[in-house]
Amino acid sequence: MAYYNEKDLRKFGQITEWSEELGTKFFDYYGKVFEEGALTSREKALIALAVAHTEQCPYCIDAYTTDTLKRGVTKAEMMEAIHVGAAIKSGASLVHGVMMMNKVNKLDG
C-alpha cells in the first residue's frame, strides 16, 4: 500500500470541514498568491513546481506538473526549474557546514 493516495489530492478542499475559518483564510490567501501580478501565473506555477520538489510533496508535484503543462511550460523548463530548486536546497545545506566548522574550530581552540 502506498503511503500517499493520489485520490487525496482531490480532497484538499475538505480541510475547511474541521476548521472552516482557518481553511477558508488559507484558500483565500493561496488564491491571491497565484493571481497575476509582478509574476505571471505561468511563472508562479513553475516556481511552485520547483518548491514542490524541494519540499518533496507528491501532491504538489502532481498538481503543479499538471498545472505547468496546461500553461505551456516545456519539459526542459520544468526540469531546469527543478535543478534550480535542487541547487538552492543543496547550497543551503552546505552553507550550514560553516556552523559545524566554527563549532569544531571553537572546540579545538
N, C-alpha and C. Protein backbone atom coordinates (compact mmCIF):
# COMPACT_ATOMS: atom_id res chain seq x y z
N MET A 1 0.84 -1.18 0.00
CA MET A 1 0.00 0.00 0.00
C MET A 1 0.88 1.24 0.00
N ALA A 2 0.58 2.19 -0.85
CA ALA A 2 1.34 3.43 -0.92
C ALA A 2 0.94 4.35 0.24
N TYR A 3 1.91 5.06 0.75
CA TYR A 3 1.64 5.99 1.85
C TYR A 3 0.78 7.16 1.38
N TYR A 4 1.11 7.68 0.22
CA TYR A 4 0.35 8.79 -0.36
C TYR A 4 -0.69 8.23 -1.30
N ASN A 5 -1.92 8.71 -1.17
CA ASN A 5 -3.02 8.25 -2.02
C ASN A 5 -3.34 9.36 -3.01
N GLU A 6 -3.19 9.08 -4.28
CA GLU A 6 -3.44 10.06 -5.34
C GLU A 6 -4.82 10.71 -5.21
N LYS A 7 -5.81 9.94 -4.76
CA LYS A 7 -7.16 10.46 -4.62
C LYS A 7 -7.28 11.53 -3.53
N ASP A 8 -6.35 11.53 -2.59
CA ASP A 8 -6.41 12.51 -1.51
C ASP A 8 -6.19 13.93 -2.00
N LEU A 9 -5.48 14.11 -3.08
CA LEU A 9 -5.25 15.45 -3.62
C LEU A 9 -6.57 16.14 -3.93
N ARG A 10 -7.52 15.38 -4.45
CA ARG A 10 -8.83 15.95 -4.79
C ARG A 10 -9.64 16.30 -3.53
N LYS A 11 -9.21 15.81 -2.38
CA LYS A 11 -9.91 16.08 -1.12
C LYS A 11 -9.35 17.28 -0.39
N PHE A 12 -8.34 17.93 -0.95
CA PHE A 12 -7.65 19.02 -0.28
C PHE A 12 -8.62 20.11 0.21
N GLY A 13 -9.60 20.44 -0.60
CA GLY A 13 -10.57 21.46 -0.23
C GLY A 13 -11.38 21.12 1.01
N GLN A 14 -11.39 19.85 1.38
CA GLN A 14 -12.15 19.41 2.55
C GLN A 14 -11.51 19.79 3.89
N ILE A 15 -10.29 20.35 3.84
CA ILE A 15 -9.67 20.71 5.12
C ILE A 15 -10.46 21.79 5.85
N THR A 16 -11.31 22.49 5.13
CA THR A 16 -12.13 23.52 5.79
C THR A 16 -13.22 22.90 6.67
N GLU A 17 -13.52 21.63 6.48
CA GLU A 17 -14.58 20.98 7.25
C GLU A 17 -14.27 20.95 8.75
N TRP A 18 -13.02 20.82 9.11
CA TRP A 18 -12.67 20.71 10.52
C TRP A 18 -12.16 22.03 11.10
N SER A 19 -11.94 22.99 10.23
CA SER A 19 -11.52 24.32 10.67
C SER A 19 -11.90 25.30 9.57
N GLU A 20 -13.18 25.63 9.52
CA GLU A 20 -13.70 26.43 8.40
C GLU A 20 -13.02 27.79 8.30
N GLU A 21 -12.89 28.49 9.39
CA GLU A 21 -12.31 29.84 9.34
C GLU A 21 -10.87 29.82 8.84
N LEU A 22 -10.04 28.97 9.43
CA LEU A 22 -8.64 28.93 9.03
C LEU A 22 -8.46 28.35 7.63
N GLY A 23 -9.24 27.32 7.31
CA GLY A 23 -9.16 26.74 5.98
C GLY A 23 -9.56 27.74 4.91
N THR A 24 -10.61 28.47 5.16
CA THR A 24 -11.07 29.48 4.21
C THR A 24 -10.03 30.58 4.05
N LYS A 25 -9.44 31.01 5.15
CA LYS A 25 -8.40 32.04 5.09
C LYS A 25 -7.20 31.54 4.28
N PHE A 26 -6.84 30.29 4.50
CA PHE A 26 -5.73 29.73 3.74
C PHE A 26 -6.04 29.74 2.25
N PHE A 27 -7.21 29.25 1.85
CA PHE A 27 -7.54 29.18 0.44
C PHE A 27 -7.69 30.57 -0.19
N ASP A 28 -8.17 31.54 0.60
CA ASP A 28 -8.22 32.92 0.10
C ASP A 28 -6.81 33.43 -0.18
N TYR A 29 -5.92 33.21 0.77
CA TYR A 29 -4.52 33.61 0.62
C TYR A 29 -3.87 32.89 -0.56
N TYR A 30 -4.04 31.59 -0.62
CA TYR A 30 -3.47 30.76 -1.67
C TYR A 30 -3.91 31.26 -3.05
N GLY A 31 -5.19 31.52 -3.17
CA GLY A 31 -5.73 32.02 -4.43
C GLY A 31 -5.15 33.37 -4.81
N LYS A 32 -5.00 34.25 -3.83
CA LYS A 32 -4.44 35.57 -4.07
C LYS A 32 -2.99 35.48 -4.53
N VAL A 33 -2.23 34.59 -3.91
CA VAL A 33 -0.82 34.42 -4.25
C VAL A 33 -0.66 34.05 -5.73
N PHE A 34 -1.54 33.23 -6.25
CA PHE A 34 -1.39 32.73 -7.61
C PHE A 34 -2.08 33.60 -8.67
N GLU A 35 -2.64 34.75 -8.26
CA GLU A 35 -3.19 35.67 -9.24
C GLU A 35 -2.05 36.34 -10.01
N GLU A 36 -2.34 36.79 -11.21
CA GLU A 36 -1.37 37.54 -12.00
C GLU A 36 -0.93 38.76 -11.19
N GLY A 37 0.33 39.05 -11.23
CA GLY A 37 0.88 40.21 -10.53
C GLY A 37 2.18 40.59 -11.21
N ALA A 38 3.20 40.87 -10.41
CA ALA A 38 4.52 41.15 -10.97
C ALA A 38 5.03 39.91 -11.71
N LEU A 39 4.60 38.74 -11.27
CA LEU A 39 4.91 37.48 -11.95
C LEU A 39 3.65 36.97 -12.63
N THR A 40 3.84 36.32 -13.76
CA THR A 40 2.69 35.71 -14.44
C THR A 40 2.27 34.45 -13.70
N SER A 41 1.07 34.00 -13.97
CA SER A 41 0.61 32.74 -13.38
C SER A 41 1.49 31.58 -13.83
N ARG A 42 2.00 31.66 -15.06
CA ARG A 42 2.89 30.62 -15.59
C ARG A 42 4.19 30.59 -14.78
N GLU A 43 4.75 31.75 -14.52
CA GLU A 43 5.99 31.82 -13.73
C GLU A 43 5.76 31.31 -12.31
N LYS A 44 4.63 31.68 -11.73
CA LYS A 44 4.31 31.23 -10.38
C LYS A 44 4.13 29.72 -10.33
N ALA A 45 3.51 29.15 -11.34
CA ALA A 45 3.33 27.70 -11.39
C ALA A 45 4.67 26.99 -11.49
N LEU A 46 5.59 27.55 -12.25
CA LEU A 46 6.92 26.96 -12.40
C LEU A 46 7.70 27.03 -11.09
N ILE A 47 7.59 28.15 -10.39
CA ILE A 47 8.21 28.27 -9.06
C ILE A 47 7.60 27.24 -8.12
N ALA A 48 6.28 27.11 -8.16
CA ALA A 48 5.60 26.15 -7.29
C ALA A 48 6.06 24.73 -7.58
N LEU A 49 6.29 24.41 -8.84
CA LEU A 49 6.76 23.07 -9.20
C LEU A 49 8.15 22.81 -8.60
N ALA A 50 9.03 23.80 -8.69
CA ALA A 50 10.38 23.64 -8.13
C ALA A 50 10.32 23.48 -6.61
N VAL A 51 9.51 24.31 -5.96
CA VAL A 51 9.38 24.22 -4.50
C VAL A 51 8.74 22.89 -4.10
N ALA A 52 7.78 22.42 -4.88
CA ALA A 52 7.16 21.13 -4.59
C ALA A 52 8.20 20.02 -4.52
N HIS A 53 9.19 20.11 -5.38
CA HIS A 53 10.25 19.10 -5.38
C HIS A 53 11.20 19.28 -4.20
N THR A 54 11.55 20.51 -3.86
CA THR A 54 12.46 20.69 -2.72
C THR A 54 11.77 20.32 -1.42
N GLU A 55 10.45 20.49 -1.38
CA GLU A 55 9.68 20.10 -0.19
C GLU A 55 9.29 18.63 -0.23
N GLN A 56 9.49 18.01 -1.37
CA GLN A 56 9.19 16.60 -1.60
C GLN A 56 7.73 16.25 -1.30
N CYS A 57 6.84 17.09 -1.83
CA CYS A 57 5.40 16.89 -1.64
C CYS A 57 4.81 16.24 -2.89
N PRO A 58 4.48 14.96 -2.83
CA PRO A 58 3.96 14.30 -4.02
C PRO A 58 2.64 14.90 -4.52
N TYR A 59 1.83 15.41 -3.61
CA TYR A 59 0.57 16.03 -4.02
C TYR A 59 0.86 17.30 -4.82
N CYS A 60 1.79 18.10 -4.34
CA CYS A 60 2.16 19.34 -5.03
C CYS A 60 2.84 19.05 -6.36
N ILE A 61 3.69 18.04 -6.38
CA ILE A 61 4.36 17.65 -7.64
C ILE A 61 3.31 17.26 -8.66
N ASP A 62 2.35 16.47 -8.24
CA ASP A 62 1.26 16.04 -9.12
C ASP A 62 0.50 17.27 -9.64
N ALA A 63 0.07 18.12 -8.73
CA ALA A 63 -0.76 19.28 -9.09
C ALA A 63 -0.01 20.26 -9.99
N TYR A 64 1.23 20.56 -9.66
CA TYR A 64 1.95 21.58 -10.43
C TYR A 64 2.61 21.04 -11.69
N THR A 65 2.79 19.73 -11.79
CA THR A 65 3.20 19.16 -13.08
C THR A 65 2.06 19.35 -14.07
N THR A 66 0.87 19.02 -13.63
CA THR A 66 -0.31 19.19 -14.49
C THR A 66 -0.52 20.66 -14.82
N ASP A 67 -0.44 21.52 -13.81
CA ASP A 67 -0.69 22.95 -14.00
C ASP A 67 0.32 23.58 -14.95
N THR A 68 1.61 23.27 -14.78
CA THR A 68 2.61 23.87 -15.66
C THR A 68 2.43 23.40 -17.10
N LEU A 69 2.10 22.13 -17.28
CA LEU A 69 1.87 21.64 -18.64
C LEU A 69 0.70 22.38 -19.29
N LYS A 70 -0.37 22.62 -18.52
CA LYS A 70 -1.53 23.35 -19.05
C LYS A 70 -1.16 24.78 -19.43
N ARG A 71 -0.13 25.32 -18.77
CA ARG A 71 0.29 26.70 -19.03
C ARG A 71 1.38 26.79 -20.10
N GLY A 72 1.66 25.66 -20.75
CA GLY A 72 2.60 25.66 -21.86
C GLY A 72 4.06 25.57 -21.46
N VAL A 73 4.34 25.21 -20.22
CA VAL A 73 5.72 25.03 -19.78
C VAL A 73 6.27 23.75 -20.42
N THR A 74 7.47 23.85 -20.95
CA THR A 74 8.07 22.69 -21.61
C THR A 74 8.72 21.74 -20.60
N LYS A 75 8.98 20.53 -21.03
CA LYS A 75 9.67 19.56 -20.17
C LYS A 75 11.05 20.08 -19.78
N ALA A 76 11.73 20.72 -20.73
CA ALA A 76 13.06 21.26 -20.43
C ALA A 76 12.99 22.37 -19.38
N GLU A 77 11.99 23.23 -19.47
CA GLU A 77 11.82 24.30 -18.47
C GLU A 77 11.50 23.72 -17.10
N MET A 78 10.65 22.69 -17.09
CA MET A 78 10.29 22.05 -15.83
C MET A 78 11.52 21.46 -15.16
N MET A 79 12.31 20.72 -15.92
CA MET A 79 13.49 20.07 -15.35
C MET A 79 14.52 21.11 -14.90
N GLU A 80 14.68 22.18 -15.68
CA GLU A 80 15.62 23.22 -15.30
C GLU A 80 15.19 23.88 -13.98
N ALA A 81 13.90 24.12 -13.84
CA ALA A 81 13.39 24.70 -12.60
C ALA A 81 13.66 23.78 -11.41
N ILE A 82 13.49 22.48 -11.61
CA ILE A 82 13.76 21.52 -10.54
C ILE A 82 15.25 21.54 -10.17
N HIS A 83 16.11 21.67 -11.17
CA HIS A 83 17.55 21.75 -10.89
C HIS A 83 17.89 23.03 -10.13
N VAL A 84 17.24 24.12 -10.45
CA VAL A 84 17.46 25.36 -9.69
C VAL A 84 17.07 25.14 -8.23
N GLY A 85 15.91 24.54 -8.01
CA GLY A 85 15.48 24.26 -6.64
C GLY A 85 16.45 23.35 -5.92
N ALA A 86 16.93 22.32 -6.62
CA ALA A 86 17.88 21.38 -6.01
C ALA A 86 19.20 22.07 -5.67
N ALA A 87 19.65 22.95 -6.55
CA ALA A 87 20.90 23.67 -6.29
C ALA A 87 20.79 24.56 -5.06
N ILE A 88 19.67 25.26 -4.94
CA ILE A 88 19.46 26.12 -3.77
C ILE A 88 19.35 25.28 -2.51
N LYS A 89 18.61 24.18 -2.58
CA LYS A 89 18.45 23.31 -1.40
C LYS A 89 19.80 22.74 -0.97
N SER A 90 20.61 22.26 -1.93
CA SER A 90 21.90 21.69 -1.56
C SER A 90 22.86 22.77 -1.08
N GLY A 91 22.81 23.94 -1.71
CA GLY A 91 23.66 25.05 -1.25
C GLY A 91 23.30 25.48 0.16
N ALA A 92 22.02 25.52 0.45
CA ALA A 92 21.57 25.89 1.80
C ALA A 92 22.05 24.88 2.83
N SER A 93 22.05 23.61 2.44
CA SER A 93 22.56 22.58 3.35
C SER A 93 24.05 22.74 3.56
N LEU A 94 24.77 22.96 2.47
CA LEU A 94 26.23 23.05 2.56
C LEU A 94 26.70 24.30 3.30
N VAL A 95 26.04 25.41 3.11
CA VAL A 95 26.47 26.64 3.79
C VAL A 95 26.34 26.51 5.30
N HIS A 96 25.43 25.65 5.75
CA HIS A 96 25.31 25.40 7.19
C HIS A 96 26.52 24.63 7.71
N GLY A 97 27.31 24.06 6.81
CA GLY A 97 28.55 23.42 7.21
C GLY A 97 29.51 24.39 7.86
N VAL A 98 29.38 25.67 7.56
CA VAL A 98 30.22 26.70 8.20
C VAL A 98 29.95 26.70 9.71
N MET A 99 28.71 26.49 10.10
CA MET A 99 28.38 26.42 11.54
C MET A 99 29.14 25.27 12.19
N MET A 100 29.15 24.12 11.51
CA MET A 100 29.87 22.97 12.02
C MET A 100 31.36 23.27 12.11
N MET A 101 31.89 23.89 11.07
CA MET A 101 33.32 24.23 11.06
C MET A 101 33.65 25.20 12.20
N ASN A 102 32.79 26.19 12.42
CA ASN A 102 33.00 27.13 13.52
C ASN A 102 33.01 26.41 14.86
N LYS A 103 32.07 25.48 15.04
CA LYS A 103 31.98 24.73 16.30
C LYS A 103 33.23 23.89 16.50
N VAL A 104 33.67 23.17 15.47
CA VAL A 104 34.87 22.36 15.57
C VAL A 104 36.08 23.22 15.90
N ASN A 105 36.21 24.35 15.23
CA ASN A 105 37.32 25.26 15.50
C ASN A 105 37.29 25.78 16.92
N LYS A 106 36.08 26.07 17.43
CA LYS A 106 35.94 26.54 18.80
C LYS A 106 36.35 25.45 19.79
N LEU A 107 35.90 24.22 19.53
CA LEU A 107 36.22 23.11 20.43
C LEU A 107 37.70 22.74 20.36
N ASP A 108 38.31 22.90 19.19
CA ASP A 108 39.74 22.60 19.03
C ASP A 108 40.62 23.69 19.64
N GLY A 109 40.07 24.92 19.72
CA GLY A 109 40.85 26.08 20.14
C GLY A 109 41.05 26.13 21.59
